[in-house]
Amino acid sequence: MTSPTPGRTPATPRRFLRRRAEMLIALILCSAAGPVGSVAEGANGRAGLSVPMPIASPAGVGSREPNLATLPDGRVVMTWLEPSGSAGMALRCATYDRGRWSQPSTIAAGDSFFVNWADFPSVRPLGGHRLAAHWLWRSGARTYAYEVRISQSEDGGRTW
């Protein structure tokens, strides 16, 4: 067994999730600022870099596993898992467009999501208004007994 590098703390799931959340926040903040190097006119009339503005999350309290994807037209779609019912979870999504999030929609719900720090649901564009979402679903009692489920939306994520 090798020891960790002096001065470096070994990665843990909690540190990984914290770092991932920090990167997600940075990505959201940067996406609000426009393309890298975009310029805006300041109060003094001179051009300068635009300032990122915070964006409120559409996810509910207790949500986890956020994931972002950019659509071909520049909009951003976010998926996440949030508590639903007594012991279940719901896979939800919303699209960020023109400075605001769409009303979140539910892709799937139930009590058999396979959730961990490394595998998380996502949405990908298929062309036009079509999107595909994937998530892991428990299929048995064994620790790693799960399957991949996929759902498609024909209307940009409003219905699945």
N, C-alpha and C. Protein backbone atom coordinates (compact mmCIF):
# COMPACT_ATOMS: atom_id res chain seq x y z
N MET A 1 0.85 -1.18 0.00
CA MET A 1 0.00 0.00 0.00
C MET A 1 0.88 1.23 0.00
N THR A 2 0.60 2.17 -0.87
CA THR A 2 1.40 3.38 -0.94
C THR A 2 0.75 4.46 -0.11
N SER A 3 1.58 5.33 0.41
CA SER A 3 1.04 6.43 1.20
C SER A 3 0.79 7.62 0.30
N PRO A 4 -0.14 8.50 0.69
CA PRO A 4 -0.44 9.65 -0.14
C PRO A 4 0.76 10.59 -0.22
N THR A 5 0.79 11.40 -1.25
CA THR A 5 1.84 12.38 -1.43
C THR A 5 1.82 13.34 -0.25
N PRO A 6 3.01 13.65 0.35
CA PRO A 6 3.03 14.57 1.48
C PRO A 6 2.36 15.90 1.12
N GLY A 7 1.54 16.41 2.03
CA GLY A 7 0.86 17.68 1.81
C GLY A 7 -0.39 17.58 0.95
N ARG A 8 -0.72 16.39 0.51
CA ARG A 8 -1.91 16.22 -0.34
C ARG A 8 -2.88 15.26 0.34
N THR A 9 -4.12 15.68 0.48
CA THR A 9 -5.15 14.86 1.10
C THR A 9 -5.74 13.93 0.05
N PRO A 10 -5.88 12.64 0.36
CA PRO A 10 -6.48 11.73 -0.61
C PRO A 10 -7.92 12.14 -0.93
N ALA A 11 -8.34 11.91 -2.16
CA ALA A 11 -9.70 12.26 -2.58
C ALA A 11 -10.71 11.37 -1.87
N THR A 12 -11.80 11.96 -1.47
CA THR A 12 -12.90 11.22 -0.86
C THR A 12 -14.16 11.58 -1.65
N PRO A 13 -15.20 10.76 -1.55
CA PRO A 13 -16.44 11.10 -2.25
C PRO A 13 -16.96 12.48 -1.85
N ARG A 14 -16.86 12.83 -0.58
CA ARG A 14 -17.36 14.13 -0.13
C ARG A 14 -16.55 15.27 -0.75
N ARG A 15 -15.20 15.13 -0.78
CA ARG A 15 -14.36 16.16 -1.41
C ARG A 15 -14.66 16.24 -2.90
N PHE A 16 -14.86 15.08 -3.53
CA PHE A 16 -15.16 15.06 -4.96
C PHE A 16 -16.46 15.80 -5.24
N LEU A 17 -17.51 15.53 -4.44
CA LEU A 17 -18.79 16.19 -4.64
C LEU A 17 -18.68 17.69 -4.39
N ARG A 18 -17.93 18.09 -3.37
CA ARG A 18 -17.75 19.51 -3.10
C ARG A 18 -17.07 20.19 -4.27
N ARG A 19 -16.01 19.57 -4.78
CA ARG A 19 -15.28 20.14 -5.91
C ARG A 19 -16.19 20.20 -7.14
N ARG A 20 -16.99 19.16 -7.36
CA ARG A 20 -17.90 19.14 -8.50
C ARG A 20 -18.94 20.25 -8.38
N ALA A 21 -19.46 20.46 -7.18
CA ALA A 21 -20.43 21.54 -6.95
C ALA A 21 -19.80 22.90 -7.19
N GLU A 22 -18.55 23.09 -6.74
CA GLU A 22 -17.85 24.35 -6.97
C GLU A 22 -17.66 24.59 -8.46
N MET A 23 -17.30 23.54 -9.20
CA MET A 23 -17.11 23.69 -10.64
C MET A 23 -18.44 23.99 -11.34
N LEU A 24 -19.53 23.37 -10.89
CA LEU A 24 -20.84 23.62 -11.47
C LEU A 24 -21.26 25.07 -11.25
N ILE A 25 -21.05 25.57 -10.04
CA ILE A 25 -21.39 26.97 -9.75
C ILE A 25 -20.56 27.90 -10.63
N ALA A 26 -19.27 27.62 -10.76
CA ALA A 26 -18.41 28.44 -11.61
C ALA A 26 -18.89 28.41 -13.05
N LEU A 27 -19.28 27.23 -13.54
CA LEU A 27 -19.76 27.11 -14.91
C LEU A 27 -21.04 27.91 -15.12
N ILE A 28 -21.97 27.82 -14.17
CA ILE A 28 -23.21 28.57 -14.29
C ILE A 28 -22.93 30.06 -14.27
N LEU A 29 -22.06 30.49 -13.36
CA LEU A 29 -21.74 31.91 -13.29
C LEU A 29 -21.07 32.40 -14.57
N CYS A 30 -20.18 31.60 -15.11
CA CYS A 30 -19.49 31.99 -16.34
C CYS A 30 -20.42 32.00 -17.54
N SER A 31 -21.38 31.08 -17.57
CA SER A 31 -22.30 31.05 -18.72
C SER A 31 -23.18 32.29 -18.74
N ALA A 32 -23.42 32.89 -17.59
CA ALA A 32 -24.22 34.11 -17.54
C ALA A 32 -23.45 35.30 -18.08
N ALA A 33 -22.12 35.21 -18.07
CA ALA A 33 -21.30 36.34 -18.50
C ALA A 33 -21.15 36.39 -20.01
N GLY A 34 -21.53 35.37 -20.71
CA GLY A 34 -21.36 35.35 -22.16
C GLY A 34 -20.07 34.67 -22.52
N PRO A 35 -19.70 34.70 -23.80
CA PRO A 35 -18.49 34.03 -24.24
C PRO A 35 -17.25 34.61 -23.57
N VAL A 36 -16.22 33.79 -23.44
CA VAL A 36 -14.98 34.25 -22.84
C VAL A 36 -14.47 35.43 -23.64
N GLY A 37 -14.08 36.49 -22.92
CA GLY A 37 -13.55 37.66 -23.59
C GLY A 37 -14.63 38.59 -24.12
N SER A 38 -15.89 38.36 -23.80
CA SER A 38 -16.93 39.26 -24.27
C SER A 38 -16.74 40.61 -23.58
N VAL A 39 -17.12 41.65 -24.25
CA VAL A 39 -16.92 42.98 -23.69
C VAL A 39 -18.25 43.66 -23.47
N ALA A 40 -18.26 44.51 -22.48
CA ALA A 40 -19.44 45.31 -22.19
C ALA A 40 -18.96 46.72 -21.91
N GLU A 41 -19.79 47.69 -22.19
CA GLU A 41 -19.41 49.07 -21.93
C GLU A 41 -19.66 49.39 -20.47
N GLY A 42 -18.65 49.88 -19.80
CA GLY A 42 -18.76 50.22 -18.39
C GLY A 42 -19.40 51.59 -18.20
N ALA A 43 -19.57 51.98 -16.95
CA ALA A 43 -20.18 53.27 -16.62
C ALA A 43 -19.36 54.43 -17.17
N ASN A 44 -18.05 54.23 -17.33
CA ASN A 44 -17.19 55.29 -17.83
C ASN A 44 -17.16 55.34 -19.36
N GLY A 45 -17.95 54.49 -20.02
CA GLY A 45 -18.01 54.50 -21.47
C GLY A 45 -16.94 53.66 -22.13
N ARG A 46 -16.05 53.06 -21.36
CA ARG A 46 -14.99 52.23 -21.91
C ARG A 46 -15.42 50.77 -21.93
N ALA A 47 -14.89 50.04 -22.90
CA ALA A 47 -15.19 48.62 -22.98
C ALA A 47 -14.43 47.87 -21.90
N GLY A 48 -15.04 46.85 -21.35
CA GLY A 48 -14.40 46.02 -20.33
C GLY A 48 -15.04 44.65 -20.32
N LEU A 49 -14.48 43.74 -19.55
CA LEU A 49 -15.05 42.40 -19.45
C LEU A 49 -16.36 42.44 -18.69
N SER A 50 -17.31 41.64 -19.12
CA SER A 50 -18.59 41.59 -18.42
C SER A 50 -18.42 40.86 -17.09
N VAL A 51 -19.28 41.19 -16.16
CA VAL A 51 -19.21 40.62 -14.81
C VAL A 51 -20.25 39.52 -14.68
N PRO A 52 -19.83 38.31 -14.24
CA PRO A 52 -20.81 37.23 -14.07
C PRO A 52 -21.82 37.57 -12.98
N MET A 53 -23.05 37.16 -13.20
CA MET A 53 -24.11 37.37 -12.23
C MET A 53 -24.57 36.01 -11.72
N PRO A 54 -24.89 35.91 -10.42
CA PRO A 54 -25.38 34.63 -9.89
C PRO A 54 -26.71 34.24 -10.56
N ILE A 55 -26.90 32.94 -10.71
CA ILE A 55 -28.13 32.41 -11.29
C ILE A 55 -28.76 31.47 -10.26
N ALA A 56 -30.01 31.71 -9.91
CA ALA A 56 -30.70 30.83 -8.97
C ALA A 56 -30.93 29.47 -9.62
N SER A 57 -30.81 28.43 -8.85
CA SER A 57 -31.02 27.07 -9.36
C SER A 57 -32.51 26.74 -9.39
N PRO A 58 -32.96 26.01 -10.41
CA PRO A 58 -34.36 25.58 -10.44
C PRO A 58 -34.62 24.35 -9.57
N ALA A 59 -33.56 23.73 -9.05
CA ALA A 59 -33.68 22.49 -8.27
C ALA A 59 -34.26 22.77 -6.89
N GLY A 60 -35.06 21.82 -6.41
CA GLY A 60 -35.69 21.95 -5.10
C GLY A 60 -34.73 21.62 -3.96
N VAL A 61 -35.20 21.85 -2.75
CA VAL A 61 -34.43 21.58 -1.54
C VAL A 61 -34.09 20.09 -1.47
N GLY A 62 -32.86 19.77 -1.12
CA GLY A 62 -32.43 18.39 -0.99
C GLY A 62 -32.01 17.74 -2.30
N SER A 63 -31.98 18.52 -3.37
CA SER A 63 -31.61 17.98 -4.68
C SER A 63 -30.13 17.65 -4.73
N ARG A 64 -29.78 16.76 -5.67
CA ARG A 64 -28.39 16.34 -5.81
C ARG A 64 -28.12 15.89 -7.23
N GLU A 65 -26.88 15.61 -7.53
CA GLU A 65 -26.42 15.13 -8.83
C GLU A 65 -26.77 16.06 -9.99
N PRO A 66 -26.47 17.37 -9.88
CA PRO A 66 -26.77 18.27 -11.00
C PRO A 66 -25.86 17.99 -12.19
N ASN A 67 -26.38 18.21 -13.37
CA ASN A 67 -25.59 18.02 -14.59
C ASN A 67 -26.07 19.03 -15.62
N LEU A 68 -25.12 19.64 -16.34
CA LEU A 68 -25.45 20.63 -17.36
C LEU A 68 -25.05 20.13 -18.74
N ALA A 69 -25.83 20.51 -19.74
CA ALA A 69 -25.49 20.22 -21.14
C ALA A 69 -25.89 21.44 -21.96
N THR A 70 -25.07 21.76 -22.95
CA THR A 70 -25.38 22.87 -23.84
C THR A 70 -26.08 22.35 -25.08
N LEU A 71 -27.19 22.97 -25.42
CA LEU A 71 -27.93 22.60 -26.62
C LEU A 71 -27.34 23.31 -27.83
N PRO A 72 -27.56 22.81 -29.04
CA PRO A 72 -26.97 23.42 -30.23
C PRO A 72 -27.29 24.91 -30.40
N ASP A 73 -28.44 25.35 -29.90
CA ASP A 73 -28.82 26.76 -30.05
C ASP A 73 -28.27 27.65 -28.94
N GLY A 74 -27.44 27.09 -28.04
CA GLY A 74 -26.81 27.87 -26.98
C GLY A 74 -27.52 27.82 -25.64
N ARG A 75 -28.74 27.30 -25.60
CA ARG A 75 -29.43 27.17 -24.31
C ARG A 75 -28.73 26.09 -23.49
N VAL A 76 -28.96 26.12 -22.18
CA VAL A 76 -28.37 25.14 -21.27
C VAL A 76 -29.49 24.35 -20.62
N VAL A 77 -29.35 23.03 -20.60
CA VAL A 77 -30.33 22.18 -19.92
C VAL A 77 -29.65 21.58 -18.69
N MET A 78 -30.37 21.59 -17.57
CA MET A 78 -29.84 21.04 -16.31
C MET A 78 -30.73 19.90 -15.88
N THR A 79 -30.11 18.80 -15.46
CA THR A 79 -30.84 17.69 -14.85
C THR A 79 -30.38 17.55 -13.41
N TRP A 80 -31.23 16.99 -12.57
CA TRP A 80 -30.89 16.76 -11.18
C TRP A 80 -31.87 15.75 -10.60
N LEU A 81 -31.50 15.17 -9.47
CA LEU A 81 -32.40 14.29 -8.72
C LEU A 81 -32.87 15.05 -7.49
N GLU A 82 -34.16 14.95 -7.19
CA GLU A 82 -34.65 15.59 -5.97
C GLU A 82 -35.62 14.66 -5.26
N PRO A 83 -35.71 14.81 -3.93
CA PRO A 83 -36.61 13.95 -3.16
C PRO A 83 -38.05 14.08 -3.67
N SER A 84 -38.74 12.93 -3.70
CA SER A 84 -40.13 12.89 -4.17
C SER A 84 -40.86 11.79 -3.42
N GLY A 85 -41.95 12.12 -2.80
CA GLY A 85 -42.70 11.11 -2.05
C GLY A 85 -41.98 10.72 -0.77
N SER A 86 -42.38 9.61 -0.18
CA SER A 86 -41.83 9.22 1.12
C SER A 86 -40.38 8.76 1.04
N ALA A 87 -40.02 7.96 0.06
CA ALA A 87 -38.63 7.48 -0.02
C ALA A 87 -38.10 7.54 -1.44
N GLY A 88 -38.85 8.14 -2.33
CA GLY A 88 -38.45 8.13 -3.74
C GLY A 88 -37.68 9.37 -4.16
N MET A 89 -37.28 9.34 -5.42
CA MET A 89 -36.57 10.45 -6.04
C MET A 89 -37.26 10.76 -7.36
N ALA A 90 -37.06 11.97 -7.85
CA ALA A 90 -37.55 12.35 -9.18
C ALA A 90 -36.38 12.90 -9.97
N LEU A 91 -36.24 12.47 -11.21
CA LEU A 91 -35.26 13.03 -12.12
C LEU A 91 -35.96 14.18 -12.82
N ARG A 92 -35.42 15.40 -12.66
CA ARG A 92 -36.05 16.60 -13.19
C ARG A 92 -35.12 17.31 -14.15
N CYS A 93 -35.67 18.17 -14.97
CA CYS A 93 -34.84 18.98 -15.87
C CYS A 93 -35.50 20.33 -16.10
N ALA A 94 -34.66 21.31 -16.45
CA ALA A 94 -35.12 22.65 -16.82
C ALA A 94 -34.11 23.22 -17.80
N THR A 95 -34.56 24.16 -18.61
CA THR A 95 -33.70 24.78 -19.62
C THR A 95 -33.51 26.25 -19.30
N TYR A 96 -32.25 26.70 -19.38
CA TYR A 96 -31.92 28.11 -19.13
C TYR A 96 -31.86 28.83 -20.47
N ASP A 97 -32.69 29.86 -20.62
CA ASP A 97 -32.78 30.59 -21.88
C ASP A 97 -33.14 32.04 -21.59
N ARG A 98 -32.39 32.96 -22.19
CA ARG A 98 -32.65 34.39 -22.06
C ARG A 98 -32.75 34.85 -20.60
N GLY A 99 -31.85 34.34 -19.78
CA GLY A 99 -31.77 34.81 -18.40
C GLY A 99 -32.72 34.18 -17.41
N ARG A 100 -33.42 33.11 -17.81
CA ARG A 100 -34.31 32.47 -16.84
C ARG A 100 -34.46 30.98 -17.14
N TRP A 101 -34.82 30.24 -16.08
CA TRP A 101 -35.05 28.80 -16.19
C TRP A 101 -36.49 28.53 -16.60
N SER A 102 -36.69 27.50 -17.41
CA SER A 102 -38.04 27.05 -17.74
C SER A 102 -38.64 26.38 -16.50
N GLN A 103 -39.94 26.14 -16.55
CA GLN A 103 -40.59 25.39 -15.48
C GLN A 103 -39.99 23.98 -15.48
N PRO A 104 -39.50 23.47 -14.34
CA PRO A 104 -38.94 22.11 -14.33
C PRO A 104 -39.98 21.06 -14.71
N SER A 105 -39.51 20.04 -15.42
CA SER A 105 -40.37 18.90 -15.76
C SER A 105 -39.78 17.64 -15.15
N THR A 106 -40.62 16.65 -14.90
CA THR A 106 -40.17 15.38 -14.34
C THR A 106 -39.97 14.37 -15.46
N ILE A 107 -38.77 13.82 -15.53
CA ILE A 107 -38.44 12.82 -16.53
C ILE A 107 -38.87 11.44 -16.04
N ALA A 108 -38.55 11.13 -14.79
CA ALA A 108 -38.90 9.84 -14.19
C ALA A 108 -38.96 10.01 -12.68
N ALA A 109 -39.70 9.14 -12.01
CA ALA A 109 -39.80 9.17 -10.55
C ALA A 109 -39.95 7.74 -10.04
N GLY A 110 -39.48 7.52 -8.82
CA GLY A 110 -39.61 6.20 -8.20
C GLY A 110 -38.63 6.01 -7.07
N ASP A 111 -38.61 4.80 -6.53
CA ASP A 111 -37.75 4.52 -5.38
C ASP A 111 -36.59 3.58 -5.74
N SER A 112 -36.29 3.42 -7.02
CA SER A 112 -35.23 2.48 -7.41
C SER A 112 -34.10 3.12 -8.21
N PHE A 113 -33.93 4.43 -8.10
CA PHE A 113 -32.78 5.06 -8.76
C PHE A 113 -31.50 4.52 -8.14
N PHE A 114 -30.52 4.23 -8.98
CA PHE A 114 -29.19 3.84 -8.50
C PHE A 114 -28.39 5.13 -8.46
N VAL A 115 -28.11 5.62 -7.25
CA VAL A 115 -27.48 6.92 -7.08
C VAL A 115 -26.17 6.77 -6.34
N ASN A 116 -25.13 7.34 -6.91
CA ASN A 116 -23.85 7.43 -6.21
C ASN A 116 -23.10 8.66 -6.70
N TRP A 117 -21.94 8.90 -6.15
CA TRP A 117 -21.21 10.13 -6.45
C TRP A 117 -20.58 10.13 -7.84
N ALA A 118 -20.43 8.99 -8.47
CA ALA A 118 -19.72 8.92 -9.75
C ALA A 118 -20.63 8.79 -10.96
N ASP A 119 -21.81 8.25 -10.79
CA ASP A 119 -22.73 8.02 -11.92
C ASP A 119 -23.96 8.89 -11.72
N PHE A 120 -24.23 9.74 -12.68
CA PHE A 120 -25.33 10.67 -12.52
C PHE A 120 -26.12 10.78 -13.82
N PRO A 121 -27.42 11.08 -13.72
CA PRO A 121 -28.26 11.21 -14.91
C PRO A 121 -27.81 12.38 -15.78
N SER A 122 -28.18 12.32 -17.06
CA SER A 122 -27.86 13.44 -17.95
C SER A 122 -28.89 13.52 -19.07
N VAL A 123 -28.88 14.64 -19.77
CA VAL A 123 -29.71 14.87 -20.95
C VAL A 123 -28.78 15.28 -22.08
N ARG A 124 -29.05 14.79 -23.27
CA ARG A 124 -28.27 15.14 -24.46
C ARG A 124 -29.21 15.48 -25.61
N PRO A 125 -28.83 16.47 -26.43
CA PRO A 125 -29.65 16.81 -27.59
C PRO A 125 -29.54 15.76 -28.69
N LEU A 126 -30.65 15.52 -29.39
CA LEU A 126 -30.68 14.57 -30.50
C LEU A 126 -30.93 15.27 -31.84
N GLY A 127 -31.17 16.55 -31.81
CA GLY A 127 -31.47 17.31 -33.02
C GLY A 127 -32.88 17.85 -32.97
N GLY A 128 -33.08 19.03 -33.52
CA GLY A 128 -34.39 19.66 -33.45
C GLY A 128 -34.77 19.90 -31.99
N HIS A 129 -35.98 19.53 -31.64
CA HIS A 129 -36.45 19.68 -30.25
C HIS A 129 -36.33 18.38 -29.47
N ARG A 130 -35.68 17.38 -30.05
CA ARG A 130 -35.57 16.07 -29.41
C ARG A 130 -34.42 16.03 -28.41
N LEU A 131 -34.69 15.47 -27.24
CA LEU A 131 -33.69 15.27 -26.19
C LEU A 131 -33.77 13.82 -25.73
N ALA A 132 -32.65 13.30 -25.24
CA ALA A 132 -32.63 11.97 -24.62
C ALA A 132 -32.07 12.11 -23.22
N ALA A 133 -32.71 11.47 -22.26
CA ALA A 133 -32.24 11.46 -20.87
C ALA A 133 -31.87 10.03 -20.51
N HIS A 134 -30.85 9.87 -19.68
CA HIS A 134 -30.50 8.54 -19.20
C HIS A 134 -30.30 8.59 -17.69
N TRP A 135 -30.55 7.46 -17.02
CA TRP A 135 -30.33 7.33 -15.58
C TRP A 135 -30.17 5.85 -15.27
N LEU A 136 -29.63 5.60 -14.09
CA LEU A 136 -29.43 4.21 -13.64
C LEU A 136 -30.58 3.81 -12.72
N TRP A 137 -31.01 2.55 -12.86
CA TRP A 137 -32.18 2.04 -12.13
C TRP A 137 -31.83 0.68 -11.54
N ARG A 138 -32.10 0.50 -10.26
CA ARG A 138 -31.82 -0.78 -9.60
C ARG A 138 -32.66 -1.89 -10.24
N SER A 139 -32.01 -3.04 -10.50
CA SER A 139 -32.74 -4.14 -11.13
C SER A 139 -32.67 -5.42 -10.31
N GLY A 140 -32.11 -5.35 -9.12
CA GLY A 140 -32.01 -6.53 -8.26
C GLY A 140 -31.47 -6.14 -6.90
N ALA A 141 -31.28 -7.15 -6.04
CA ALA A 141 -30.85 -6.91 -4.67
C ALA A 141 -29.33 -6.76 -4.53
N ARG A 142 -28.57 -7.26 -5.49
CA ARG A 142 -27.11 -7.16 -5.39
C ARG A 142 -26.66 -5.71 -5.49
N THR A 143 -25.50 -5.42 -4.91
CA THR A 143 -24.98 -4.05 -4.85
C THR A 143 -24.96 -3.36 -6.20
N TYR A 144 -24.44 -4.01 -7.21
CA TYR A 144 -24.30 -3.38 -8.53
C TYR A 144 -25.30 -3.92 -9.55
N ALA A 145 -26.46 -4.34 -9.08
CA ALA A 145 -27.50 -4.82 -9.99
C ALA A 145 -28.34 -3.61 -10.43
N TYR A 146 -27.97 -3.05 -11.58
CA TYR A 146 -28.72 -1.92 -12.10
C TYR A 146 -28.69 -1.93 -13.62
N GLU A 147 -29.58 -1.15 -14.20
CA GLU A 147 -29.67 -1.05 -15.66
C GLU A 147 -29.70 0.42 -16.04
N VAL A 148 -29.46 0.69 -17.31
CA VAL A 148 -29.54 2.06 -17.82
C VAL A 148 -30.91 2.23 -18.45
N ARG A 149 -31.61 3.27 -18.04
CA ARG A 149 -32.90 3.59 -18.63
C ARG A 149 -32.77 4.88 -19.44
N ILE A 150 -33.53 4.96 -20.52
CA ILE A 150 -33.48 6.12 -21.41
C ILE A 150 -34.90 6.56 -21.73
N SER A 151 -35.10 7.86 -21.75
CA SER A 151 -36.39 8.43 -22.14
C SER A 151 -36.12 9.54 -23.15
N GLN A 152 -37.06 9.74 -24.07
CA GLN A 152 -36.91 10.80 -25.06
C GLN A 152 -38.02 11.82 -24.93
N SER A 153 -37.67 13.06 -25.24
CA SER A 153 -38.64 14.15 -25.30
C SER A 153 -38.64 14.68 -26.73
N GLU A 154 -39.82 14.91 -27.26
CA GLU A 154 -39.96 15.45 -28.62
C GLU A 154 -40.21 16.95 -28.61
N ASP A 155 -40.37 17.53 -27.39
CA ASP A 155 -40.74 18.95 -27.30
C ASP A 155 -39.77 19.77 -26.45
N GLY A 156 -38.49 19.45 -26.54
CA GLY A 156 -37.48 20.23 -25.83
C GLY A 156 -37.44 20.02 -24.33
N GLY A 157 -38.03 18.94 -23.83
CA GLY A 157 -37.98 18.62 -22.42
C GLY A 157 -39.22 18.99 -21.62
N ARG A 158 -40.25 19.50 -22.27
CA ARG A 158 -41.48 19.82 -21.53
C ARG A 158 -42.20 18.56 -21.09
N THR A 159 -42.22 17.54 -21.97
CA THR A 159 -42.83 16.26 -21.62
C THR A 159 -41.87 15.14 -22.01
N TRP A 160 -42.00 14.00 -21.30
CA TRP A 160 -41.11 12.84 -21.52
C TRP A 160 -41.94 11.60 -21.70
